[in-house]
Protein backbone atom coordinates (compact mmCIF):
# COMPACT_ATOMS: atom_id res chain seq x y z
CA MET A 1 0.00 0.00 0.00
CA ILE A 2 1.00 3.66 -0.14
CA HIS A 3 2.92 4.35 3.05
CA SER A 4 2.41 8.09 3.07
CA PHE A 5 1.55 10.93 0.74
CA LYS A 6 4.28 12.99 2.37
CA GLN A 7 6.70 13.74 -0.44
CA GLN A 8 10.06 12.12 0.18
CA SER A 9 13.47 12.82 -1.22
CA PRO A 10 13.36 11.28 -4.72
CA GLU A 11 16.99 10.23 -4.25
CA SER A 12 15.95 7.96 -1.38
CA LEU A 13 13.56 6.27 -3.82
CA GLY A 14 16.15 5.78 -6.54
CA ILE A 15 15.38 8.74 -8.81
CA SER A 16 17.08 12.11 -8.91
CA SER A 17 15.38 15.39 -8.10
CA LYS A 18 17.08 16.72 -11.23
CA ALA A 19 15.17 14.28 -13.43
CA ILE A 20 11.84 15.26 -11.91
CA ILE A 21 12.66 18.97 -12.23
CA LYS A 22 13.54 18.36 -15.88
CA PHE A 23 10.18 16.67 -16.45
CA ILE A 24 8.24 19.55 -14.87
CA GLU A 25 10.24 22.18 -16.76
CA THR A 26 9.65 20.25 -19.99
CA ALA A 27 5.93 20.12 -19.22
CA LYS A 28 5.88 23.90 -18.75
CA LYS A 29 8.02 24.66 -21.80
CA LYS A 30 6.04 22.40 -24.16
CA ASN A 31 2.71 23.37 -22.56
CA PHE A 32 1.48 19.96 -21.45
CA ASN A 33 -1.06 22.03 -19.49
CA LEU A 34 -0.77 19.72 -16.51
CA HIS A 35 -3.20 20.20 -13.64
CA SER A 36 -1.46 17.72 -11.35
CA ALA A 37 1.24 15.07 -11.39
CA MET A 38 2.24 12.30 -9.00
CA LEU A 39 5.06 9.77 -9.07
CA LEU A 40 5.04 6.86 -6.65
CA ARG A 41 8.09 4.65 -6.21
CA HIS A 42 8.08 1.62 -3.93
CA GLY A 43 4.74 2.79 -2.55
CA LYS A 44 6.11 6.19 -1.53
CA THR A 45 5.64 9.66 -3.00
CA ALA A 46 8.56 10.96 -5.05
CA LEU A 47 6.48 13.77 -6.58
CA GLU A 48 3.12 15.36 -5.90
CA CYS A 49 2.43 18.71 -7.50
CA TYR A 50 -0.60 20.81 -8.46
CA PHE A 51 -0.86 23.70 -10.85
CA LYS A 52 -2.99 26.34 -9.14
CA PRO A 53 -5.99 26.58 -9.00
CA TYR A 54 -6.04 22.75 -9.08
CA ALA A 55 -5.42 21.21 -5.67
CA ALA A 56 -5.09 17.93 -3.78
CA ASP A 57 -8.58 18.08 -2.27
CA LYS A 58 -10.39 18.76 -5.56
CA VAL A 59 -11.78 15.98 -7.72
CA HIS A 60 -11.04 15.99 -11.45
CA ILE A 61 -13.00 14.42 -14.27
CA LEU A 62 -11.28 11.30 -15.63
CA TYR A 63 -12.92 11.04 -19.03
CA SER A 64 -12.04 7.56 -20.37
CA LEU A 65 -9.75 6.72 -17.48
CA SER A 66 -13.14 5.90 -15.94
CA LYS A 67 -13.17 2.77 -18.13
CA SER A 68 -10.42 1.12 -16.10
CA PHE A 69 -12.58 1.38 -12.97
CA THR A 70 -15.54 -0.18 -14.78
CA SER A 71 -13.26 -3.03 -15.82
CA THR A 72 -12.22 -3.48 -12.21
CA ALA A 73 -15.88 -3.70 -11.19
CA VAL A 74 -16.23 -6.60 -13.64
CA GLY A 75 -13.27 -8.25 -11.94
CA PHE A 76 -15.00 -8.11 -8.57
CA ALA A 77 -18.25 -9.41 -10.07
CA VAL A 78 -16.41 -12.34 -11.68
CA GLN A 79 -14.63 -13.03 -8.37
CA GLU A 80 -18.00 -13.14 -6.60
CA GLY A 81 -19.54 -15.47 -9.21
CA LEU A 82 -22.08 -12.91 -10.43
CA LEU A 83 -21.05 -13.18 -14.07
CA SER A 84 -18.44 -14.56 -16.45
CA ILE A 85 -16.62 -12.75 -19.23
CA GLU A 86 -17.95 -15.49 -21.53
CA ASP A 87 -21.57 -14.45 -20.83
CA TYR A 88 -23.50 -12.97 -23.74
CA ALA A 89 -24.43 -9.33 -23.22
CA VAL A 90 -28.00 -9.60 -24.56
CA ASP A 91 -28.88 -12.33 -22.06
CA PHE A 92 -28.77 -9.88 -19.17
CA PHE A 93 -31.62 -7.85 -20.68
CA ALA A 94 -33.72 -10.51 -22.43
CA ASP A 95 -36.60 -10.34 -19.95
CA THR A 96 -36.66 -6.60 -19.29
CA LEU A 97 -35.70 -4.86 -22.52
CA PRO A 98 -37.98 -5.53 -25.48
CA CYS A 99 -35.74 -5.49 -28.54
CA ASN A 100 -34.63 -7.69 -31.38
CA PRO A 101 -30.82 -7.67 -31.58
CA CYS A 102 -29.10 -8.54 -34.85
CA ASP A 103 -27.34 -11.90 -35.17
CA ASN A 104 -23.85 -10.58 -34.42
CA MET A 105 -25.09 -8.60 -31.40
CA ARG A 106 -26.34 -11.90 -29.97
CA LYS A 107 -22.74 -13.16 -30.16
CA VAL A 108 -21.24 -10.24 -28.21
CA LYS A 109 -19.74 -11.42 -24.92
CA ILE A 110 -18.59 -9.37 -21.96
CA ARG A 111 -14.99 -10.09 -23.00
CA HIS A 112 -15.71 -8.42 -26.36
CA LEU A 113 -17.11 -5.34 -24.64
CA LEU A 114 -14.09 -5.17 -22.35
CA SER A 115 -11.59 -5.36 -25.22
CA MET A 116 -13.40 -2.91 -27.53
CA ALA A 117 -14.08 -5.75 -29.95
CA SER A 118 -17.87 -5.80 -30.14
CA GLY A 119 -17.77 -6.15 -33.93
CA HIS A 120 -18.92 -2.62 -34.72
CA SER A 121 -16.95 -1.05 -37.58
CA ILE A 122 -18.23 2.31 -36.30
CA ALA A 123 -19.10 2.86 -32.66
CA PRO A 124 -22.86 3.40 -32.31
CA GLN A 125 -24.00 6.87 -31.26
CA ILE A 126 -26.15 6.28 -28.19
CA PHE A 127 -25.43 9.20 -25.89
CA ASP A 128 -28.00 11.53 -27.40
CA LYS A 129 -30.75 8.94 -26.86
CA SER A 130 -33.16 8.49 -23.97
CA ASP A 131 -32.30 4.81 -23.38
CA TRP A 132 -28.62 4.07 -24.01
CA THR A 133 -28.89 0.34 -23.29
CA TYR A 134 -31.71 -0.18 -25.77
CA HIS A 135 -29.97 1.76 -28.51
CA PHE A 136 -26.69 -0.09 -28.04
CA LEU A 137 -28.33 -3.52 -28.11
CA THR A 138 -30.35 -2.63 -31.23
CA SER A 139 -27.37 -1.15 -33.09
CA TYR A 140 -26.12 -3.07 -36.13
CA VAL A 141 -22.99 -5.17 -35.60
CA ASP A 142 -21.48 -5.66 -39.04
CA LYS A 143 -18.39 -7.73 -38.11
CA GLU A 144 -17.79 -10.88 -36.11
CA PRO A 145 -17.34 -9.97 -32.42
CA GLY A 146 -13.70 -10.23 -31.44
CA SER A 147 -12.45 -9.64 -35.00
CA LEU A 148 -11.44 -5.97 -34.76
CA PHE A 149 -10.74 -3.14 -32.32
CA VAL A 150 -13.00 -0.08 -32.49
CA TYR A 151 -12.92 2.32 -29.56
CA ASN A 152 -16.45 2.32 -28.24
CA SER A 153 -17.59 4.07 -25.05
CA GLY A 154 -21.05 2.59 -25.58
CA ALA A 155 -19.56 -0.86 -25.00
CA THR A 156 -18.24 0.27 -21.63
CA TYR A 157 -21.59 1.80 -20.78
CA LEU A 158 -23.25 -1.56 -21.44
CA ILE A 159 -20.77 -3.17 -19.03
CA SER A 160 -21.87 -0.65 -16.40
CA ALA A 161 -25.52 -1.49 -17.10
CA ILE A 162 -24.73 -5.21 -16.73
CA ILE A 163 -22.99 -4.62 -13.39
CA GLN A 164 -26.03 -2.70 -12.18
CA LYS A 165 -28.30 -5.48 -13.45
CA VAL A 166 -26.53 -8.28 -11.58
CA THR A 167 -25.72 -6.37 -8.37
CA GLY A 168 -28.70 -4.03 -8.02
CA GLU A 169 -26.20 -1.20 -7.48
CA THR A 170 -24.50 1.39 -9.64
CA VAL A 171 -20.83 0.75 -10.37
CA THR A 172 -20.00 3.53 -7.90
CA ASP A 173 -21.96 1.93 -5.07
CA TYR A 174 -20.69 -1.53 -5.96
CA LEU A 175 -17.05 -0.38 -5.87
CA LYS A 176 -17.35 1.62 -2.64
CA PRO A 177 -16.94 -1.25 -0.13
CA ARG A 178 -14.70 -3.28 -2.45
CA LEU A 179 -12.26 -0.66 -3.74
CA PHE A 180 -12.95 2.97 -2.84
CA GLU A 181 -13.28 2.54 0.93
CA PRO A 182 -10.48 -0.03 1.46
CA LEU A 183 -8.07 2.21 -0.47
CA GLY A 184 -9.24 5.31 1.40
CA PHE A 185 -10.59 7.28 -1.55
CA SER A 186 -11.97 10.77 -0.96
CA GLU A 187 -15.63 11.07 0.01
CA ASN A 188 -16.63 13.47 -2.77
CA ILE A 189 -16.45 10.89 -5.58
CA TRP A 190 -19.15 11.18 -8.20
CA TRP A 191 -19.93 9.55 -11.54
CA GLU A 192 -22.10 11.01 -14.27
CA GLN A 193 -25.16 8.92 -15.13
CA SER A 194 -27.34 8.08 -18.12
CA PRO A 195 -30.96 9.26 -18.28
CA ASN A 196 -31.90 5.88 -16.79
CA GLY A 197 -29.70 6.30 -13.71
CA VAL A 198 -26.80 4.07 -14.78
CA ASP A 199 -23.22 5.23 -14.25
CA CYS A 200 -21.77 6.17 -17.65
CA GLY A 201 -19.02 3.59 -17.28
CA GLY A 202 -16.86 4.78 -20.15
CA PHE A 203 -16.50 8.34 -18.86
CA GLY A 204 -17.73 10.70 -16.16
CA LEU A 205 -15.97 9.47 -13.01
CA ASN A 206 -14.54 12.26 -10.83
CA LEU A 207 -11.70 11.52 -8.39
CA THR A 208 -8.77 13.28 -6.76
CA THR A 209 -5.26 12.78 -8.07
CA ARG A 210 -4.41 10.84 -4.93
CA ASP A 211 -7.35 8.51 -5.56
CA ILE A 212 -6.01 7.77 -9.03
CA ALA A 213 -2.53 7.15 -7.59
CA LYS A 214 -3.96 4.69 -5.06
CA PHE A 215 -5.72 2.86 -7.86
CA GLY A 216 -2.44 2.64 -9.76
CA GLN A 217 -0.67 1.27 -6.69
CA PHE A 218 -3.49 -1.26 -6.23
CA LEU A 219 -2.90 -2.43 -9.82
CA LEU A 220 0.86 -2.49 -9.32
CA GLN A 221 0.34 -4.71 -6.25
CA ARG A 222 -1.91 -6.97 -8.34
CA GLY A 223 -5.04 -6.39 -6.27
CA ARG A 224 -3.42 -6.52 -2.83
CA TRP A 225 -3.85 -3.73 -0.30
CA ASN A 226 -2.86 -3.39 3.36
CA GLY A 227 -2.17 -7.11 3.66
CA GLN A 228 -5.42 -8.20 2.03
CA GLN A 229 -5.99 -9.59 -1.46
CA LEU A 230 -9.01 -7.52 -2.44
CA LEU A 231 -9.13 -8.67 -6.07
CA ASN A 232 -7.40 -11.78 -7.31
CA ALA A 233 -4.06 -11.17 -9.00
CA GLU A 234 -5.03 -13.27 -12.02
CA TRP A 235 -7.76 -10.78 -12.93
CA ILE A 236 -5.35 -7.83 -12.72
CA ASP A 237 -2.89 -9.69 -14.94
CA MET A 238 -5.57 -10.59 -17.46
CA ALA A 239 -7.22 -7.16 -17.53
CA THR A 240 -3.93 -5.34 -18.13
CA SER A 241 -2.58 -7.77 -20.74
CA LYS A 242 -2.96 -7.34 -24.50
CA HIS A 243 -6.13 -8.93 -25.90
CA ILE A 244 -6.35 -7.28 -29.31
CA ASP A 245 -4.28 -5.20 -31.73
CA ASN A 246 -5.45 -1.61 -31.90
CA TYR A 247 -3.50 -0.38 -34.96
CA GLY A 248 -2.87 3.10 -33.55
CA THR A 249 0.39 5.02 -33.45
CA LEU A 250 3.04 5.04 -30.71
CA ASP A 251 1.38 4.50 -27.32
CA TRP A 252 -2.01 4.00 -28.95
CA GLY A 253 -0.74 1.11 -31.07
CA CYS A 254 0.70 -1.26 -28.48
CA GLY A 255 -2.39 -3.38 -27.90
CA TYR A 256 -5.49 -3.12 -25.75
CA GLY A 257 -6.53 -5.12 -22.70
CA PHE A 258 -9.77 -5.03 -20.74
CA GLN A 259 -10.19 -1.23 -20.72
CA PHE A 260 -6.44 -0.75 -20.28
CA TRP A 261 -3.83 0.29 -22.84
CA ARG A 262 -0.42 -1.26 -23.27
CA CYS A 263 2.52 1.16 -23.58
CA GLN A 264 5.73 1.34 -25.60
CA PRO A 265 8.14 0.43 -22.75
CA GLU A 266 8.15 -3.29 -22.05
CA GLY A 267 5.67 -4.33 -19.36
CA VAL A 268 4.13 -0.87 -18.86
CA PHE A 269 0.35 -0.35 -19.05
CA ARG A 270 -2.03 2.49 -18.36
CA GLY A 271 -5.56 3.73 -18.00
CA ASP A 272 -6.07 7.00 -19.84
CA GLY A 273 -8.67 9.62 -20.56
CA ALA A 274 -9.02 12.49 -22.99
CA PHE A 275 -6.86 15.59 -22.58
CA GLY A 276 -4.17 13.87 -20.49
CA GLN A 277 -5.75 11.96 -17.61
CA PHE A 278 -3.19 9.20 -17.05
CA CYS A 279 -2.62 6.35 -14.62
CA VAL A 280 0.62 4.71 -15.78
CA VAL A 281 1.83 1.54 -14.06
CA MET A 282 5.48 0.49 -14.45
CA PRO A 283 5.89 -2.91 -12.76
CA GLU A 284 9.61 -3.38 -13.46
CA GLN A 285 10.36 0.02 -11.96
CA ASP A 286 7.86 -0.49 -9.08
CA ALA A 287 6.40 2.87 -9.99
CA VAL A 288 3.10 4.61 -10.70
CA PHE A 289 2.82 7.90 -12.57
CA VAL A 290 -0.41 9.93 -12.61
CA THR A 291 -1.50 13.16 -14.27
CA THR A 292 -4.62 15.22 -14.67
CA ALA A 293 -4.41 17.76 -17.46
CA GLY A 294 -6.02 19.71 -20.28
CA THR A 295 -3.87 18.95 -23.32
CA GLU A 296 -4.64 18.00 -26.90
CA ASP A 297 -1.21 16.38 -27.38
CA MET A 298 -1.31 13.49 -24.92
CA GLN A 299 1.61 11.66 -26.53
CA GLN A 300 4.13 14.36 -25.64
CA CYS A 301 3.47 13.81 -21.94
CA LEU A 302 3.95 10.04 -22.19
CA THR A 303 7.06 10.51 -24.32
CA ALA A 304 8.55 12.76 -21.63
CA VAL A 305 7.86 10.06 -19.03
CA TRP A 306 9.62 7.44 -21.17
CA GLU A 307 12.57 9.71 -22.02
CA ILE A 308 13.09 11.55 -18.72
CA LEU A 309 11.56 9.76 -15.75
CA LEU A 310 11.65 6.07 -16.58
CA PRO A 311 15.38 5.81 -17.43
CA ALA A 312 16.24 7.88 -14.34
CA MET A 313 14.78 5.25 -12.00
CA GLN A 314 17.56 3.23 -10.38
CA GLU A 315 17.27 0.03 -8.37
CA ASN A 316 19.03 1.45 -5.31
CA ALA A 317 18.82 4.77 -3.48
CA LEU A 318 20.94 7.61 -4.82
CA PRO A 319 23.19 9.97 -2.83
CA GLU A 320 21.13 12.72 -1.27
CA ASP A 321 21.11 16.06 -3.08
CA GLU A 322 19.54 18.51 -0.65
CA SER A 323 19.91 21.58 -2.87
CA GLU A 324 18.20 19.93 -5.85
CA TYR A 325 15.48 18.48 -3.63
CA GLN A 326 14.79 21.93 -2.17
CA LYS A 327 14.71 23.34 -5.69
CA LEU A 328 12.10 20.71 -6.56
CA LEU A 329 9.98 21.56 -3.50
CA ASP A 330 10.15 25.28 -4.31
CA LEU A 331 9.20 24.60 -7.91
CA CYS A 332 6.18 22.51 -6.87
CA ASP A 333 5.02 25.20 -4.43
CA ASN A 334 4.86 27.82 -7.16
CA LEU A 335 3.20 26.03 -10.06
CA GLN A 336 0.10 27.45 -11.68
CA VAL A 337 -1.74 27.22 -14.97
CA PRO A 338 -0.44 29.75 -17.53
CA VAL A 339 -2.31 32.88 -16.49
CA ASP A 340 -0.35 36.13 -16.41
CA PHE A 341 -1.52 38.30 -13.52
CA LYS A 342 0.34 41.39 -14.76
CA PHE A 343 -2.85 43.21 -15.67
CA LYS A 344 -3.02 46.93 -16.32
CA SER A 345 -4.80 49.68 -14.44
CA ALA A 346 -7.74 51.06 -16.37
CA LYS A 347 -9.63 54.33 -16.32
CA ILE A 348 -12.96 52.73 -15.54
CA LYS A 349 -16.00 54.40 -17.10
CA VAL A 350 -18.35 51.40 -17.11
CA ASN A 351 -18.89 50.61 -13.44
CA ASP A 352 -22.21 49.27 -12.19
CA ILE A 353 -23.94 49.32 -15.57
CA THR A 354 -26.32 46.52 -16.50
CA TYR A 355 -26.20 45.29 -20.09
CA GLN A 356 -28.96 43.32 -21.80
CA LEU A 357 -27.25 40.53 -23.76
CA SER A 358 -28.10 39.14 -27.17
CA GLU A 359 -29.16 35.51 -27.45
CA ASN A 360 -26.26 33.13 -26.83
CA PRO A 361 -25.48 29.41 -26.40
CA ILE A 362 -24.84 29.70 -22.66
CA GLY A 363 -28.17 31.36 -21.93
CA PHE A 364 -26.86 34.48 -20.20
CA THR A 365 -29.44 37.26 -20.46
CA SER A 366 -27.73 40.22 -18.77
CA LEU A 367 -24.43 41.36 -17.29
CA THR A 368 -23.73 43.74 -14.43
CA ALA A 369 -20.08 44.58 -13.71
CA HIS A 370 -18.45 46.22 -10.71
CA PHE A 371 -14.73 46.93 -10.85
CA GLY A 372 -13.02 47.64 -7.53
CA LYS A 373 -9.51 48.40 -6.31
CA SER A 374 -8.68 44.84 -5.24
CA LYS A 375 -11.63 42.76 -6.43
CA ASP A 376 -14.10 42.76 -9.31
CA THR A 377 -17.59 41.28 -9.50
CA LEU A 378 -19.39 40.16 -12.65
CA ILE A 379 -23.05 39.16 -12.33
CA PHE A 380 -24.51 37.19 -15.21
CA THR A 381 -28.22 36.40 -15.13
CA THR A 382 -30.04 33.53 -16.77
CA ALA A 383 -33.70 32.59 -16.94
CA LYS A 384 -33.06 30.41 -13.87
CA GLY A 385 -30.99 32.65 -11.65
CA GLU A 386 -27.84 34.70 -11.19
CA PHE A 387 -24.24 33.66 -11.67
CA HIS A 388 -21.92 35.73 -9.45
CA CYS A 389 -18.25 35.74 -10.31
CA GLU A 390 -15.76 37.28 -7.90
CA ILE A 391 -12.31 38.07 -9.33
CA ASP A 392 -9.21 38.85 -7.29
CA HIS A 393 -6.58 40.95 -9.03
CA HIS A 394 -3.60 38.96 -7.74
CA GLY A 395 -4.63 35.31 -7.87
CA PHE A 396 -7.46 32.84 -8.27
CA THR A 397 -10.73 33.32 -6.43
CA ASP A 398 -12.91 30.34 -5.51
CA ASN A 399 -16.55 30.81 -6.45
CA LYS A 400 -18.78 28.19 -4.85
CA TYR A 401 -22.53 27.99 -4.94
CA PRO A 402 -24.92 26.99 -2.14
CA ASP A 403 -26.49 23.55 -2.10
CA ASP A 404 -29.89 24.84 -3.22
CA ILE A 405 -28.51 25.76 -6.64
CA THR A 406 -28.49 22.58 -8.70
CA ILE A 407 -26.45 21.64 -11.74
CA SER A 408 -29.60 21.72 -13.85
CA GLN A 409 -29.93 25.46 -13.32
CA PHE A 410 -26.62 26.33 -14.98
CA ASP A 411 -24.00 24.86 -17.20
CA PRO A 412 -22.23 22.80 -14.47
CA PHE A 413 -18.95 24.38 -15.55
CA TYR A 414 -20.07 27.61 -13.93
CA LEU A 415 -21.28 26.22 -10.62
CA ASN A 416 -18.01 25.84 -8.74
CA HIS A 417 -14.99 27.39 -10.35
CA CYS A 418 -11.92 29.55 -9.79
CA ALA A 419 -11.70 32.93 -11.49
CA ALA A 420 -8.87 35.27 -12.37
CA GLY A 421 -8.80 38.35 -14.51
CA GLY A 422 -8.00 41.97 -15.09
CA TRP A 423 -7.73 44.79 -17.62
CA LEU A 424 -5.64 44.30 -20.76
CA ASN A 425 -6.10 47.99 -21.64
CA ASP A 426 -8.54 50.82 -20.91
CA THR A 427 -11.46 49.10 -22.62
CA THR A 428 -10.81 45.34 -22.60
CA TYR A 429 -11.14 43.06 -19.58
CA ARG A 430 -10.11 39.38 -19.69
CA LEU A 431 -11.71 36.81 -17.40
CA TYR A 432 -10.33 33.29 -16.90
CA LEU A 433 -12.68 30.65 -15.49
CA TYR A 434 -11.35 27.28 -14.35
CA ALA A 435 -13.82 24.64 -13.20
CA THR A 436 -11.25 22.63 -11.28
CA TYR A 437 -12.98 19.30 -11.84
CA ASP A 438 -12.66 19.79 -15.60
CA ALA A 439 -9.91 19.67 -18.22
CA SER A 440 -11.24 22.72 -20.02
CA PHE A 441 -11.29 26.39 -19.11
CA ASP A 442 -13.11 29.47 -20.35
CA ILE A 443 -11.78 32.84 -21.41
CA ILE A 444 -14.35 35.63 -21.55
CA GLU A 445 -13.00 38.83 -23.03
CA LEU A 446 -15.17 41.89 -22.44
CA THR A 447 -14.64 44.96 -24.62
CA PHE A 448 -16.51 48.06 -23.47
CA TYR A 449 -17.54 50.93 -25.72
CA PRO A 450 -18.52 53.65 -23.21
CA ASP A 451 -19.58 56.21 -25.82
CA THR A 452 -22.23 53.89 -27.28
CA LYS A 453 -22.90 51.99 -24.04
CA ILE A 454 -22.22 48.69 -25.77
CA VAL A 455 -20.21 45.69 -24.54
CA LYS A 456 -18.81 42.89 -26.71
CA LEU A 457 -18.22 39.51 -25.03
CA HIS A 458 -15.96 36.96 -26.69
CA PHE A 459 -16.43 33.50 -25.13
CA THR A 460 -13.84 30.77 -25.75
CA ARG A 461 -13.74 27.26 -24.28
CA THR A 462 -10.95 24.85 -25.17
CA MET A 463 -10.11 21.27 -24.17
CA ASP A 464 -13.70 20.20 -24.17
CA MET A 465 -15.70 17.54 -26.01
CA GLU A 466 -17.79 20.45 -27.29
CA PRO A 467 -15.47 23.47 -27.47
CA TYR A 468 -16.88 26.82 -28.50
CA ASP A 469 -15.83 30.23 -29.70
CA PHE A 470 -18.52 32.89 -30.11
CA ILE A 471 -19.18 36.60 -29.70
CA ILE A 472 -22.25 38.29 -28.26
CA PHE A 473 -23.16 41.92 -27.65
CA GLY A 474 -24.89 43.74 -24.85
CA ALA A 475 -26.59 47.12 -24.65
CA ALA A 476 -26.81 49.21 -21.48
CA VAL A 477 -30.20 49.20 -19.80
CA GLU A 478 -31.39 52.78 -19.34
């Protein structure tokens, strides 16, 4: 198990502080846009760092790294005799879901779902439907199951639905006493659900970086934790082994297991999610490497691990290097996402004016802005309520909403977030919004035209499954 999350001298764990510093500096220089990174060696913490406003106590969305947890739930269900990977998927729903699957769908086994080999040449689009299970089972399977790899989050969702069918619990609830609680996961775990109340399975799990690291250590220890064999080692070995060729490039072409990817270095495997959510397990090095991030170039991060960190790991402890270790600690204490807080002073002529906004995709109807000496406040209204955004001039400001405001009232991105911003010049104000559970962030640039009492708002969201870039206008309310 992990002995402590207290960061130890990397040299005592057989890796130099210099190597870790080089990795972090490379990540900054090449803009990996890391949100957090952890390196465990021999069950101890060689590195734990967060790029403000991301922090140790904040959960982060895992995207498809969620799949590896769904796979692990199958392992527990197999261990408890609730199902077999040779079971046919349609059989679990024969009595409750009226549908007529095609011939090849009737041949799809749980093992095919796990290995992304359901026989679909194109993954079925089910996530805009009201009943995801029904639409997956009635989709056309044009190839023999097991004959080809096609990445398919719908297949993982069906696994989640099967787990819920045989256990009477969501995957989250099923894993709590078996994995989350024994490993000491944070209490604010949550998993997005389908319209029918089934955990999404293939995406949508939210955990802290430390939770992910514990999961990686659990895999490294082949299902053993704190002296107990929670999940049999044979399942871990099977789930993380290659089951099918995936014909990708570099680290996406090394073979696929049961919701795990094989990696270029011999023996290394990983769970991964979009935009750089990684849980990399290196058995020969007795190491686990974890990141959360918001990057479009995921390969560059893995390549840096293979080229900088992995070869720097030595079997025995290295001579202590106190100056380099202190340099590493200082570096980690001062990391933040790339926001420049050197904003300008502006001759403000637009204070406390309310602007009626033109129709827009976010649903904001008006804006009221107050610009102060040390803090600014932007109030956006919607048909369902007000969105208050407090902005400190010298750092990130947490904006959290009371429990009686639900996610359905606003884009969830805007519910709990950190804000930063300031004036670029006398008329243009830039606002950065980071929802610290998400890979994406928003930039809202407000350009004021005092003479005409008009404001132009340029909204940009990157690193999102549905990024946007649009401009709206507002007119002062007399």
